[in-house]
Amino acid sequence: TGPLLRISDSDDLTRFTVAPLVSMRSVADAPASDYVSGLITVVRA
């Protein structure tokens, strides 16, 4: 349960998704981008 947070489609969302960020066993360090840091900030707020 929790407040619903909608994440809209964007070029950044698809661009970083097709980058080699995620393996089957772990999450690689996300690139230091305004988009990713902004996304984390929104969620934690």
PDB file of all heavy atoms in Angstrom:
ATOM      1  N   THR A   1       0.844  -1.188   0.000  1.00  0.00           N
ATOM      2  CA  THR A   1       0.000   0.000   0.000  1.00  0.00           C
ATOM      3  C   THR A   1       0.874   1.231   0.000  1.00  0.00           C
ATOM      4  O   THR A   1       2.000   1.211   0.514  1.00  0.00           O
ATOM      5  CB  THR A   1      -0.934   0.018   1.225  1.00  0.00           C
ATOM      6  OG1 THR A   1      -1.798   1.159   1.148  1.00  0.00           O
ATOM      7  CG2 THR A   1      -0.143   0.094   2.523  1.00  0.00           C
ATOM      8  N   GLY A   2       0.351   2.315  -0.578  1.00  0.00           N
ATOM      9  CA  GLY A   2       1.094   3.561  -0.585  1.00  0.00           C
ATOM     10  C   GLY A   2       0.485   4.558  -1.539  1.00  0.00           C
ATOM     11  O   GLY A   2      -0.425   4.227  -2.311  1.00  0.00           O
ATOM     12  N   PRO A   3       0.958   5.800  -1.498  1.00  0.00           N
ATOM     13  CA  PRO A   3       0.503   6.780  -2.490  1.00  0.00           C
ATOM     14  C   PRO A   3       0.924   6.331  -3.882  1.00  0.00           C
ATOM     15  O   PRO A   3       1.993   5.743  -4.060  1.00  0.00           O
ATOM     16  CB  PRO A   3       1.221   8.065  -2.068  1.00  0.00           C
ATOM     17  CG  PRO A   3       2.404   7.605  -1.274  1.00  0.00           C
ATOM     18  CD  PRO A   3       1.979   6.347  -0.591  1.00  0.00           C
ATOM     19  N   LEU A   4       0.067   6.590  -4.856  1.00  0.00           N
ATOM     20  CA  LEU A   4       0.341   6.166  -6.230  1.00  0.00           C
ATOM     21  C   LEU A   4       1.217   7.198  -6.920  1.00  0.00           C
ATOM     22  O   LEU A   4       0.871   8.385  -6.984  1.00  0.00           O
ATOM     23  CB  LEU A   4      -0.970   5.989  -6.989  1.00  0.00           C
ATOM     24  CG  LEU A   4      -0.861   5.386  -8.394  1.00  0.00           C
ATOM     25  CD1 LEU A   4      -0.403   3.933  -8.318  1.00  0.00           C
ATOM     26  CD2 LEU A   4      -2.199   5.477  -9.115  1.00  0.00           C
ATOM     27  N   LEU A   5       2.352   6.767  -7.421  1.00  0.00           N
ATOM     28  CA  LEU A   5       3.269   7.638  -8.150  1.00  0.00           C
ATOM     29  C   LEU A   5       3.314   7.200  -9.607  1.00  0.00           C
ATOM     30  O   LEU A   5       3.772   6.089  -9.913  1.00  0.00           O
ATOM     31  CB  LEU A   5       4.670   7.581  -7.532  1.00  0.00           C
ATOM     32  CG  LEU A   5       5.749   8.374  -8.276  1.00  0.00           C
ATOM     33  CD1 LEU A   5       5.412   9.865  -8.310  1.00  0.00           C
ATOM     34  CD2 LEU A   5       7.121   8.150  -7.654  1.00  0.00           C
ATOM     35  N   ARG A   6       2.853   8.065 -10.482  1.00  0.00           N
ATOM     36  CA  ARG A   6       2.860   7.761 -11.918  1.00  0.00           C
ATOM     37  C   ARG A   6       4.182   8.236 -12.513  1.00  0.00           C
ATOM     38  O   ARG A   6       4.585   9.392 -12.323  1.00  0.00           O
ATOM     39  CB  ARG A   6       1.694   8.461 -12.613  1.00  0.00           C
ATOM     40  CG  ARG A   6       0.330   8.016 -12.125  1.00  0.00           C
ATOM     41  CD  ARG A   6      -0.770   8.878 -12.727  1.00  0.00           C
ATOM     42  NE  ARG A   6      -2.058   8.552 -12.164  1.00  0.00           N
ATOM     43  CZ  ARG A   6      -2.905   7.658 -12.678  1.00  0.00           C
ATOM     44  NH1 ARG A   6      -2.578   7.025 -13.790  1.00  0.00           N
ATOM     45  NH2 ARG A   6      -4.052   7.411 -12.094  1.00  0.00           N
ATOM     46  N   ILE A   7       4.827   7.361 -13.241  1.00  0.00           N
ATOM     47  CA  ILE A   7       6.056   7.705 -13.959  1.00  0.00           C
ATOM     48  C   ILE A   7       5.736   7.674 -15.438  1.00  0.00           C
ATOM     49  O   ILE A   7       5.463   6.612 -16.016  1.00  0.00           O
ATOM     50  CB  ILE A   7       7.201   6.745 -13.605  1.00  0.00           C
ATOM     51  CG1 ILE A   7       7.535   6.862 -12.111  1.00  0.00           C
ATOM     52  CG2 ILE A   7       8.421   7.035 -14.456  1.00  0.00           C
ATOM     53  CD1 ILE A   7       8.666   5.974 -11.655  1.00  0.00           C
ATOM     54  N   SER A   8       5.739   8.846 -16.054  1.00  0.00           N
ATOM     55  CA  SER A   8       5.349   8.958 -17.453  1.00  0.00           C
ATOM     56  C   SER A   8       6.477   8.494 -18.364  1.00  0.00           C
ATOM     57  O   SER A   8       7.666   8.587 -18.026  1.00  0.00           O
ATOM     58  CB  SER A   8       4.985  10.412 -17.790  1.00  0.00           C
ATOM     59  OG  SER A   8       3.933  10.869 -16.971  1.00  0.00           O
ATOM     60  N   ASP A   9       6.065   7.997 -19.530  1.00  0.00           N
ATOM     61  CA  ASP A   9       7.056   7.627 -20.539  1.00  0.00           C
ATOM     62  C   ASP A   9       7.848   8.866 -20.973  1.00  0.00           C
ATOM     63  O   ASP A   9       7.311   9.971 -21.062  1.00  0.00           O
ATOM     64  CB  ASP A   9       6.355   7.037 -21.766  1.00  0.00           C
ATOM     65  CG  ASP A   9       6.226   5.534 -21.659  1.00  0.00           C
ATOM     66  OD1 ASP A   9       6.522   4.987 -20.580  1.00  0.00           O
ATOM     67  OD2 ASP A   9       5.814   4.902 -22.643  1.00  0.00           O
ATOM     68  N   SER A  10       9.134   8.659 -21.225  1.00  0.00           N
ATOM     69  CA  SER A  10       9.977   9.749 -21.731  1.00  0.00           C
ATOM     70  C   SER A  10      11.128   9.137 -22.504  1.00  0.00           C
ATOM     71  O   SER A  10      11.423   7.936 -22.383  1.00  0.00           O
ATOM     72  CB  SER A  10      10.515  10.601 -20.580  1.00  0.00           C
ATOM     73  OG  SER A  10      11.441   9.853 -19.812  1.00  0.00           O
ATOM     74  N   ASP A  11      11.811   9.958 -23.262  1.00  0.00           N
ATOM     75  CA  ASP A  11      12.979   9.479 -23.997  1.00  0.00           C
ATOM     76  C   ASP A  11      14.054   8.992 -23.041  1.00  0.00           C
ATOM     77  O   ASP A  11      14.729   7.989 -23.292  1.00  0.00           O
ATOM     78  CB  ASP A  11      13.529  10.589 -24.891  1.00  0.00           C
ATOM     79  CG  ASP A  11      12.602  10.920 -26.050  1.00  0.00           C
ATOM     80  OD1 ASP A  11      11.744  10.060 -26.380  1.00  0.00           O
ATOM     81  OD2 ASP A  11      12.728  12.029 -26.599  1.00  0.00           O
ATOM     82  N   ASP A  12      14.239   9.711 -21.911  1.00  0.00           N
ATOM     83  CA  ASP A  12      15.251   9.303 -20.944  1.00  0.00           C
ATOM     84  C   ASP A  12      14.924   7.935 -20.347  1.00  0.00           C
ATOM     85  O   ASP A  12      15.816   7.094 -20.153  1.00  0.00           O
ATOM     86  CB  ASP A  12      15.360  10.335 -19.817  1.00  0.00           C
ATOM     87  CG  ASP A  12      16.122  11.586 -20.234  1.00  0.00           C
ATOM     88  OD1 ASP A  12      16.957  11.479 -21.162  1.00  0.00           O
ATOM     89  OD2 ASP A  12      15.881  12.639 -19.637  1.00  0.00           O
ATOM     90  N   LEU A  13      13.661   7.721 -20.048  1.00  0.00           N
ATOM     91  CA  LEU A  13      13.254   6.450 -19.437  1.00  0.00           C
ATOM     92  C   LEU A  13      13.591   5.285 -20.346  1.00  0.00           C
ATOM     93  O   LEU A  13      14.175   4.279 -19.907  1.00  0.00           O
ATOM     94  CB  LEU A  13      11.757   6.481 -19.146  1.00  0.00           C
ATOM     95  CG  LEU A  13      11.174   5.295 -18.371  1.00  0.00           C
ATOM     96  CD1 LEU A  13      11.785   5.193 -16.987  1.00  0.00           C
ATOM     97  CD2 LEU A  13       9.662   5.419 -18.283  1.00  0.00           C
ATOM     98  N   THR A  14      13.270   5.393 -21.619  1.00  0.00           N
ATOM     99  CA  THR A  14      13.571   4.295 -22.545  1.00  0.00           C
ATOM    100  C   THR A  14      15.057   4.236 -22.878  1.00  0.00           C
ATOM    101  O   THR A  14      15.615   3.151 -23.031  1.00  0.00           O
ATOM    102  CB  THR A  14      12.750   4.455 -23.836  1.00  0.00           C
ATOM    103  OG1 THR A  14      12.983   5.764 -24.387  1.00  0.00           O
ATOM    104  CG2 THR A  14      11.266   4.295 -23.545  1.00  0.00           C
ATOM    105  N   ARG A  15      15.712   5.384 -22.944  1.00  0.00           N
ATOM    106  CA  ARG A  15      17.145   5.398 -23.296  1.00  0.00           C
ATOM    107  C   ARG A  15      17.979   4.707 -22.231  1.00  0.00           C
ATOM    108  O   ARG A  15      18.852   3.890 -22.527  1.00  0.00           O
ATOM    109  CB  ARG A  15      17.610   6.840 -23.500  1.00  0.00           C
ATOM    110  CG  ARG A  15      19.093   6.984 -23.814  1.00  0.00           C
ATOM    111  CD  ARG A  15      19.395   8.366 -24.388  1.00  0.00           C
ATOM    112  NE  ARG A  15      19.019   9.416 -23.450  1.00  0.00           N
ATOM    113  CZ  ARG A  15      19.839   9.899 -22.521  1.00  0.00           C
ATOM    114  NH1 ARG A  15      21.072   9.409 -22.383  1.00  0.00           N
ATOM    115  NH2 ARG A  15      19.458  10.873 -21.707  1.00  0.00           N
ATOM    116  N   PHE A  16      17.725   5.030 -20.960  1.00  0.00           N
ATOM    117  CA  PHE A  16      18.499   4.406 -19.892  1.00  0.00           C
ATOM    118  C   PHE A  16      18.115   2.936 -19.715  1.00  0.00           C
ATOM    119  O   PHE A  16      18.923   2.125 -19.261  1.00  0.00           O
ATOM    120  CB  PHE A  16      18.314   5.155 -18.581  1.00  0.00           C
ATOM    121  CG  PHE A  16      19.023   6.472 -18.559  1.00  0.00           C
ATOM    122  CD1 PHE A  16      18.342   7.634 -18.264  1.00  0.00           C
ATOM    123  CD2 PHE A  16      20.378   6.556 -18.854  1.00  0.00           C
ATOM    124  CE1 PHE A  16      18.987   8.852 -18.249  1.00  0.00           C
ATOM    125  CE2 PHE A  16      21.030   7.780 -18.843  1.00  0.00           C
ATOM    126  CZ  PHE A  16      20.334   8.937 -18.541  1.00  0.00           C
ATOM    127  N   THR A  17      16.892   2.588 -20.079  1.00  0.00           N
ATOM    128  CA  THR A  17      16.463   1.195 -19.941  1.00  0.00           C
ATOM    129  C   THR A  17      17.209   0.294 -20.910  1.00  0.00           C
ATOM    130  O   THR A  17      17.574  -0.837 -20.561  1.00  0.00           O
ATOM    131  CB  THR A  17      14.944   1.097 -20.171  1.00  0.00           C
ATOM    132  OG1 THR A  17      14.288   1.633 -19.023  1.00  0.00           O
ATOM    133  CG2 THR A  17      14.506  -0.344 -20.365  1.00  0.00           C
ATOM    134  N   VAL A  18      17.452   0.752 -22.121  1.00  0.00           N
ATOM    135  CA  VAL A  18      18.148  -0.090 -23.091  1.00  0.00           C
ATOM    136  C   VAL A  18      19.659  -0.069 -22.882  1.00  0.00           C
ATOM    137  O   VAL A  18      20.381  -0.854 -23.486  1.00  0.00           O
ATOM    138  CB  VAL A  18      17.821   0.329 -24.542  1.00  0.00           C
ATOM    139  CG1 VAL A  18      16.339   0.182 -24.795  1.00  0.00           C
ATOM    140  CG2 VAL A  18      18.283   1.759 -24.818  1.00  0.00           C
ATOM    141  N   ALA A  19      20.137   0.816 -22.001  1.00  0.00           N
ATOM    142  CA  ALA A  19      21.559   0.789 -21.647  1.00  0.00           C
ATOM    143  C   ALA A  19      21.831  -0.410 -20.753  1.00  0.00           C
ATOM    144  O   ALA A  19      20.936  -0.932 -20.099  1.00  0.00           O
ATOM    145  CB  ALA A  19      21.937   2.085 -20.942  1.00  0.00           C
ATOM    146  N   PRO A  20      23.083  -0.893 -20.688  1.00  0.00           N
ATOM    147  CA  PRO A  20      23.417  -2.098 -19.908  1.00  0.00           C
ATOM    148  C   PRO A  20      23.502  -1.797 -18.420  1.00  0.00           C
ATOM    149  O   PRO A  20      24.569  -1.826 -17.812  1.00  0.00           O
ATOM    150  CB  PRO A  20      24.771  -2.514 -20.473  1.00  0.00           C
ATOM    151  CG  PRO A  20      25.394  -1.235 -20.916  1.00  0.00           C
ATOM    152  CD  PRO A  20      24.262  -0.394 -21.433  1.00  0.00           C
ATOM    153  N   LEU A  21      22.337  -1.473 -17.811  1.00  0.00           N
ATOM    154  CA  LEU A  21      22.330  -1.109 -16.404  1.00  0.00           C
ATOM    155  C   LEU A  21      22.006  -2.266 -15.486  1.00  0.00           C
ATOM    156  O   LEU A  21      22.472  -2.321 -14.355  1.00  0.00           O
ATOM    157  CB  LEU A  21      21.292  -0.002 -16.157  1.00  0.00           C
ATOM    158  CG  LEU A  21      21.526   1.331 -16.851  1.00  0.00           C
ATOM    159  CD1 LEU A  21      20.370   2.254 -16.553  1.00  0.00           C
ATOM    160  CD2 LEU A  21      22.828   1.943 -16.358  1.00  0.00           C
ATOM    161  N   VAL A  22      21.146  -3.170 -15.948  1.00  0.00           N
ATOM    162  CA  VAL A  22      20.583  -4.171 -15.054  1.00  0.00           C
ATOM    163  C   VAL A  22      21.017  -5.555 -15.481  1.00  0.00           C
ATOM    164  O   VAL A  22      20.865  -5.936 -16.635  1.00  0.00           O
ATOM    165  CB  VAL A  22      19.041  -4.088 -15.056  1.00  0.00           C
ATOM    166  CG1 VAL A  22      18.450  -5.098 -14.091  1.00  0.00           C
ATOM    167  CG2 VAL A  22      18.589  -2.688 -14.692  1.00  0.00           C
ATOM    168  N   SER A  23      21.589  -6.289 -14.538  1.00  0.00           N
ATOM    169  CA  SER A  23      21.908  -7.688 -14.801  1.00  0.00           C
ATOM    170  C   SER A  23      20.856  -8.557 -14.158  1.00  0.00           C
ATOM    171  O   SER A  23      19.970  -8.084 -13.459  1.00  0.00           O
ATOM    172  CB  SER A  23      23.290  -8.023 -14.220  1.00  0.00           C
ATOM    173  OG  SER A  23      23.204  -8.082 -12.809  1.00  0.00           O
ATOM    174  N   MET A  24      20.940  -9.846 -14.367  1.00  0.00           N
ATOM    175  CA  MET A  24      19.962 -10.757 -13.781  1.00  0.00           C
ATOM    176  C   MET A  24      20.136 -10.875 -12.275  1.00  0.00           C
ATOM    177  O   MET A  24      19.229 -11.314 -11.587  1.00  0.00           O
ATOM    178  CB  MET A  24      20.097 -12.144 -14.417  1.00  0.00           C
ATOM    179  CG  MET A  24      19.682 -12.191 -15.870  1.00  0.00           C
ATOM    180  SD  MET A  24      17.912 -12.030 -16.077  1.00  0.00           S
ATOM    181  CE  MET A  24      17.374 -13.645 -15.542  1.00  0.00           C
ATOM    182  N   ARG A  25      21.256 -10.483 -11.726  1.00  0.00           N
ATOM    183  CA  ARG A  25      21.512 -10.707 -10.312  1.00  0.00           C
ATOM    184  C   ARG A  25      21.697  -9.416  -9.519  1.00  0.00           C
ATOM    185  O   ARG A  25      21.625  -9.425  -8.306  1.00  0.00           O
ATOM    186  CB  ARG A  25      22.774 -11.570 -10.137  1.00  0.00           C
ATOM    187  CG  ARG A  25      22.586 -12.988 -10.645  1.00  0.00           C
ATOM    188  CD  ARG A  25      21.525 -13.717  -9.830  1.00  0.00           C
ATOM    189  NE  ARG A  25      21.254 -15.036 -10.368  1.00  0.00           N
ATOM    190  CZ  ARG A  25      20.272 -15.815  -9.958  1.00  0.00           C
ATOM    191  NH1 ARG A  25      19.442 -15.396  -9.026  1.00  0.00           N
ATOM    192  NH2 ARG A  25      20.092 -17.000 -10.486  1.00  0.00           N
ATOM    193  N   SER A  26      21.981  -8.322 -10.174  1.00  0.00           N
ATOM    194  CA  SER A  26      22.255  -7.112  -9.408  1.00  0.00           C
ATOM    195  C   SER A  26      21.928  -5.891 -10.242  1.00  0.00           C
ATOM    196  O   SER A  26      21.759  -5.963 -11.446  1.00  0.00           O
ATOM    197  CB  SER A  26      23.722  -7.070  -8.990  1.00  0.00           C
ATOM    198  OG  SER A  26      24.556  -7.017 -10.138  1.00  0.00           O
ATOM    199  N   VAL A  27      21.880  -4.761  -9.560  1.00  0.00           N
ATOM    200  CA  VAL A  27      21.655  -3.492 -10.234  1.00  0.00           C
ATOM    201  C   VAL A  27      22.981  -2.756 -10.325  1.00  0.00           C
ATOM    202  O   VAL A  27      23.631  -2.487  -9.321  1.00  0.00           O
ATOM    203  CB  VAL A  27      20.631  -2.643  -9.447  1.00  0.00           C
ATOM    204  CG1 VAL A  27      20.358  -1.337 -10.173  1.00  0.00           C
ATOM    205  CG2 VAL A  27      19.350  -3.418  -9.236  1.00  0.00           C
ATOM    206  N   ALA A  28      23.385  -2.431 -11.552  1.00  0.00           N
ATOM    207  CA  ALA A  28      24.629  -1.686 -11.729  1.00  0.00           C
ATOM    208  C   ALA A  28      24.426  -0.247 -11.282  1.00  0.00           C
ATOM    209  O   ALA A  28      23.313   0.231 -11.123  1.00  0.00           O
ATOM    210  CB  ALA A  28      25.050  -1.729 -13.200  1.00  0.00           C
ATOM    211  N   ASP A  29      25.527   0.464 -11.051  1.00  0.00           N
ATOM    212  CA  ASP A  29      25.417   1.875 -10.694  1.00  0.00           C
ATOM    213  C   ASP A  29      24.725   2.631 -11.824  1.00  0.00           C
ATOM    214  O   ASP A  29      25.109   2.537 -12.991  1.00  0.00           O
ATOM    215  CB  ASP A  29      26.804   2.472 -10.456  1.00  0.00           C
ATOM    216  CG  ASP A  29      27.433   1.908  -9.193  1.00  0.00           C
ATOM    217  OD1 ASP A  29      26.671   1.459  -8.314  1.00  0.00           O
ATOM    218  OD2 ASP A  29      28.680   1.913  -9.116  1.00  0.00           O
ATOM    219  N   ALA A  30      23.720   3.377 -11.479  1.00  0.00           N
ATOM    220  CA  ALA A  30      23.020   4.167 -12.478  1.00  0.00           C
ATOM    221  C   ALA A  30      23.903   5.324 -12.920  1.00  0.00           C
ATOM    222  O   ALA A  30      24.689   5.854 -12.134  1.00  0.00           O
ATOM    223  CB  ALA A  30      21.709   4.690 -11.900  1.00  0.00           C
ATOM    224  N   PRO A  31      23.828   5.722 -14.178  1.00  0.00           N
ATOM    225  CA  PRO A  31      24.635   6.843 -14.648  1.00  0.00           C
ATOM    226  C   PRO A  31      24.255   8.113 -13.909  1.00  0.00           C
ATOM    227  O   PRO A  31      23.122   8.307 -13.513  1.00  0.00           O
ATOM    228  CB  PRO A  31      24.289   6.935 -16.141  1.00  0.00           C
ATOM    229  CG  PRO A  31      22.946   6.275 -16.261  1.00  0.00           C
ATOM    230  CD  PRO A  31      22.932   5.196 -15.225  1.00  0.00           C
ATOM    231  N   ALA A  32      25.239   8.954 -13.715  1.00  0.00           N
ATOM    232  CA  ALA A  32      25.011  10.202 -12.985  1.00  0.00           C
ATOM    233  C   ALA A  32      24.281  11.169 -13.905  1.00  0.00           C
ATOM    234  O   ALA A  32      24.885  12.045 -14.527  1.00  0.00           O
ATOM    235  CB  ALA A  32      26.337  10.792 -12.518  1.00  0.00           C
ATOM    236  N   SER A  33      22.997  11.018 -14.028  1.00  0.00           N
ATOM    237  CA  SER A  33      22.200  11.868 -14.905  1.00  0.00           C
ATOM    238  C   SER A  33      21.172  12.623 -14.101  1.00  0.00           C
ATOM    239  O   SER A  33      20.749  12.181 -13.034  1.00  0.00           O
ATOM    240  CB  SER A  33      21.498  11.025 -15.977  1.00  0.00           C
ATOM    241  OG  SER A  33      20.438  10.303 -15.377  1.00  0.00           O
ATOM    242  N   ASP A  34      20.762  13.754 -14.606  1.00  0.00           N
ATOM    243  CA  ASP A  34      19.724  14.526 -13.942  1.00  0.00           C
ATOM    244  C   ASP A  34      18.433  13.720 -13.883  1.00  0.00           C
ATOM    245  O   ASP A  34      17.687  13.816 -12.898  1.00  0.00           O
ATOM    246  CB  ASP A  34      19.498  15.837 -14.693  1.00  0.00           C
ATOM    247  CG  ASP A  34      20.671  16.793 -14.559  1.00  0.00           C
ATOM    248  OD1 ASP A  34      21.465  16.602 -13.611  1.00  0.00           O
ATOM    249  OD2 ASP A  34      20.788  17.701 -15.396  1.00  0.00           O
ATOM    250  N   TYR A  35      18.163  12.935 -14.922  1.00  0.00           N
ATOM    251  CA  TYR A  35      16.905  12.199 -14.956  1.00  0.00           C
ATOM    252  C   TYR A  35      16.840  11.161 -13.832  1.00  0.00           C
ATOM    253  O   TYR A  35      15.873  11.102 -13.074  1.00  0.00           O
ATOM    254  CB  TYR A  35      16.717  11.505 -16.306  1.00  0.00           C
ATOM    255  CG  TYR A  35      15.472  10.640 -16.328  1.00  0.00           C
ATOM    256  CD1 TYR A  35      14.220  11.217 -16.467  1.00  0.00           C
ATOM    257  CD2 TYR A  35      15.551   9.263 -16.152  1.00  0.00           C
ATOM    258  CE1 TYR A  35      13.062  10.448 -16.452  1.00  0.00           C
ATOM    259  CE2 TYR A  35      14.413   8.484 -16.128  1.00  0.00           C
ATOM    260  CZ  TYR A  35      13.173   9.079 -16.284  1.00  0.00           C
ATOM    261  OH  TYR A  35      12.034   8.310 -16.251  1.00  0.00           O
ATOM    262  N   VAL A  36      17.882  10.336 -13.709  1.00  0.00           N
ATOM    263  CA  VAL A  36      17.872   9.278 -12.709  1.00  0.00           C
ATOM    264  C   VAL A  36      17.878   9.848 -11.306  1.00  0.00           C
ATOM    265  O   VAL A  36      17.103   9.420 -10.435  1.00  0.00           O
ATOM    266  CB  VAL A  36      19.063   8.324 -12.920  1.00  0.00           C
ATOM    267  CG1 VAL A  36      19.155   7.331 -11.775  1.00  0.00           C
ATOM    268  CG2 VAL A  36      18.923   7.589 -14.242  1.00  0.00           C
ATOM    269  N   SER A  37      18.732  10.832 -11.031  1.00  0.00           N
ATOM    270  CA  SER A  37      18.771  11.423  -9.696  1.00  0.00           C
ATOM    271  C   SER A  37      17.457  12.123  -9.388  1.00  0.00           C
ATOM    272  O   SER A  37      16.971  12.080  -8.247  1.00  0.00           O
ATOM    273  CB  SER A  37      19.949  12.392  -9.576  1.00  0.00           C
ATOM    274  OG  SER A  37      19.833  13.448 -10.511  1.00  0.00           O
ATOM    275  N   GLY A  38      16.861  12.754 -10.396  1.00  0.00           N
ATOM    276  CA  GLY A  38      15.575  13.410 -10.185  1.00  0.00           C
ATOM    277  C   GLY A  38      14.480  12.412  -9.880  1.00  0.00           C
ATOM    278  O   GLY A  38      13.604  12.665  -9.039  1.00  0.00           O
ATOM    279  N   LEU A  39      14.511  11.264 -10.540  1.00  0.00           N
ATOM    280  CA  LEU A  39      13.520  10.217 -10.302  1.00  0.00           C
ATOM    281  C   LEU A  39      13.620   9.695  -8.871  1.00  0.00           C
ATOM    282  O   LEU A  39      12.607   9.542  -8.173  1.00  0.00           O
ATOM    283  CB  LEU A  39      13.737   9.077 -11.306  1.00  0.00           C
ATOM    284  CG  LEU A  39      12.674   8.000 -11.410  1.00  0.00           C
ATOM    285  CD1 LEU A  39      11.331   8.588 -11.811  1.00  0.00           C
ATOM    286  CD2 LEU A  39      13.114   6.932 -12.415  1.00  0.00           C
ATOM    287  N   ILE A  40      14.833   9.441  -8.411  1.00  0.00           N
ATOM    288  CA  ILE A  40      15.029   8.966  -7.041  1.00  0.00           C
ATOM    289  C   ILE A  40      14.575  10.025  -6.040  1.00  0.00           C
ATOM    290  O   ILE A  40      13.942   9.718  -5.028  1.00  0.00           O
ATOM    291  CB  ILE A  40      16.505   8.596  -6.824  1.00  0.00           C
ATOM    292  CG1 ILE A  40      16.885   7.402  -7.714  1.00  0.00           C
ATOM    293  CG2 ILE A  40      16.773   8.279  -5.360  1.00  0.00           C
ATOM    294  CD1 ILE A  40      18.365   7.081  -7.709  1.00  0.00           C
ATOM    295  N   THR A  41      14.876  11.277  -6.328  1.00  0.00           N
ATOM    296  CA  THR A  41      14.470  12.362  -5.425  1.00  0.00           C
ATOM    297  C   THR A  41      12.954  12.449  -5.313  1.00  0.00           C
ATOM    298  O   THR A  41      12.406  12.624  -4.206  1.00  0.00           O
ATOM    299  CB  THR A  41      15.041  13.701  -5.927  1.00  0.00           C
ATOM    300  OG1 THR A  41      16.465  13.627  -5.940  1.00  0.00           O
ATOM    301  CG2 THR A  41      14.588  14.851  -5.041  1.00  0.00           C
ATOM    302  N   VAL A  42      12.264  12.321  -6.425  1.00  0.00           N
ATOM    303  CA  VAL A  42      10.801  12.381  -6.413  1.00  0.00           C
ATOM    304  C   VAL A  42      10.220  11.246  -5.564  1.00  0.00           C
ATOM    305  O   VAL A  42       9.313  11.449  -4.757  1.00  0.00           O
ATOM    306  CB  VAL A  42      10.252  12.322  -7.849  1.00  0.00           C
ATOM    307  CG1 VAL A  42       8.736  12.077  -7.843  1.00  0.00           C
ATOM    308  CG2 VAL A  42      10.554  13.611  -8.594  1.00  0.00           C
ATOM    309  N   VAL A  43      10.753  10.055  -5.736  1.00  0.00           N
ATOM    310  CA  VAL A  43      10.246   8.907  -4.988  1.00  0.00           C
ATOM    311  C   VAL A  43      10.489   9.098  -3.492  1.00  0.00           C
ATOM    312  O   VAL A  43       9.600   8.866  -2.665  1.00  0.00           O
ATOM    313  CB  VAL A  43      10.903   7.608  -5.495  1.00  0.00           C
ATOM    314  CG1 VAL A  43      10.565   6.441  -4.584  1.00  0.00           C
ATOM    315  CG2 VAL A  43      10.448   7.308  -6.916  1.00  0.00           C
ATOM    316  N   ARG A  44      11.667   9.538  -3.116  1.00  0.00           N
ATOM    317  CA  ARG A  44      11.992   9.682  -1.695  1.00  0.00           C
ATOM    318  C   ARG A  44      11.279  10.871  -1.051  1.00  0.00           C
ATOM    319  O   ARG A  44      11.210  10.947   0.178  1.00  0.00           O
ATOM    320  CB  ARG A  44      13.506   9.803  -1.535  1.00  0.00           C
ATOM    321  CG  ARG A  44      14.216   8.508  -1.878  1.00  0.00           C
ATOM    322  CD  ARG A  44      15.720   8.609  -1.739  1.00  0.00           C
ATOM    323  NE  ARG A  44      16.341   7.322  -2.043  1.00  0.00           N
ATOM    324  CZ  ARG A  44      17.653   7.118  -2.123  1.00  0.00           C
ATOM    325  NH1 ARG A  44      18.486   8.134  -1.924  1.00  0.00           N
ATOM    326  NH2 ARG A  44      18.132   5.932  -2.406  1.00  0.00           N
ATOM    327  N   ALA A  45      10.743  11.768  -1.860  1.00  0.00           N
ATOM    328  CA  ALA A  45      10.001  12.908  -1.321  1.00  0.00           C
ATOM    329  C   ALA A  45       8.536  12.576  -1.059  1.00  0.00           C
ATOM    330  O   ALA A  45       7.825  13.398  -0.473  1.00  0.00           O
ATOM    331  CB  ALA A  45      10.087  14.090  -2.292  1.00  0.00           C
TER     332      ALA A  45
END
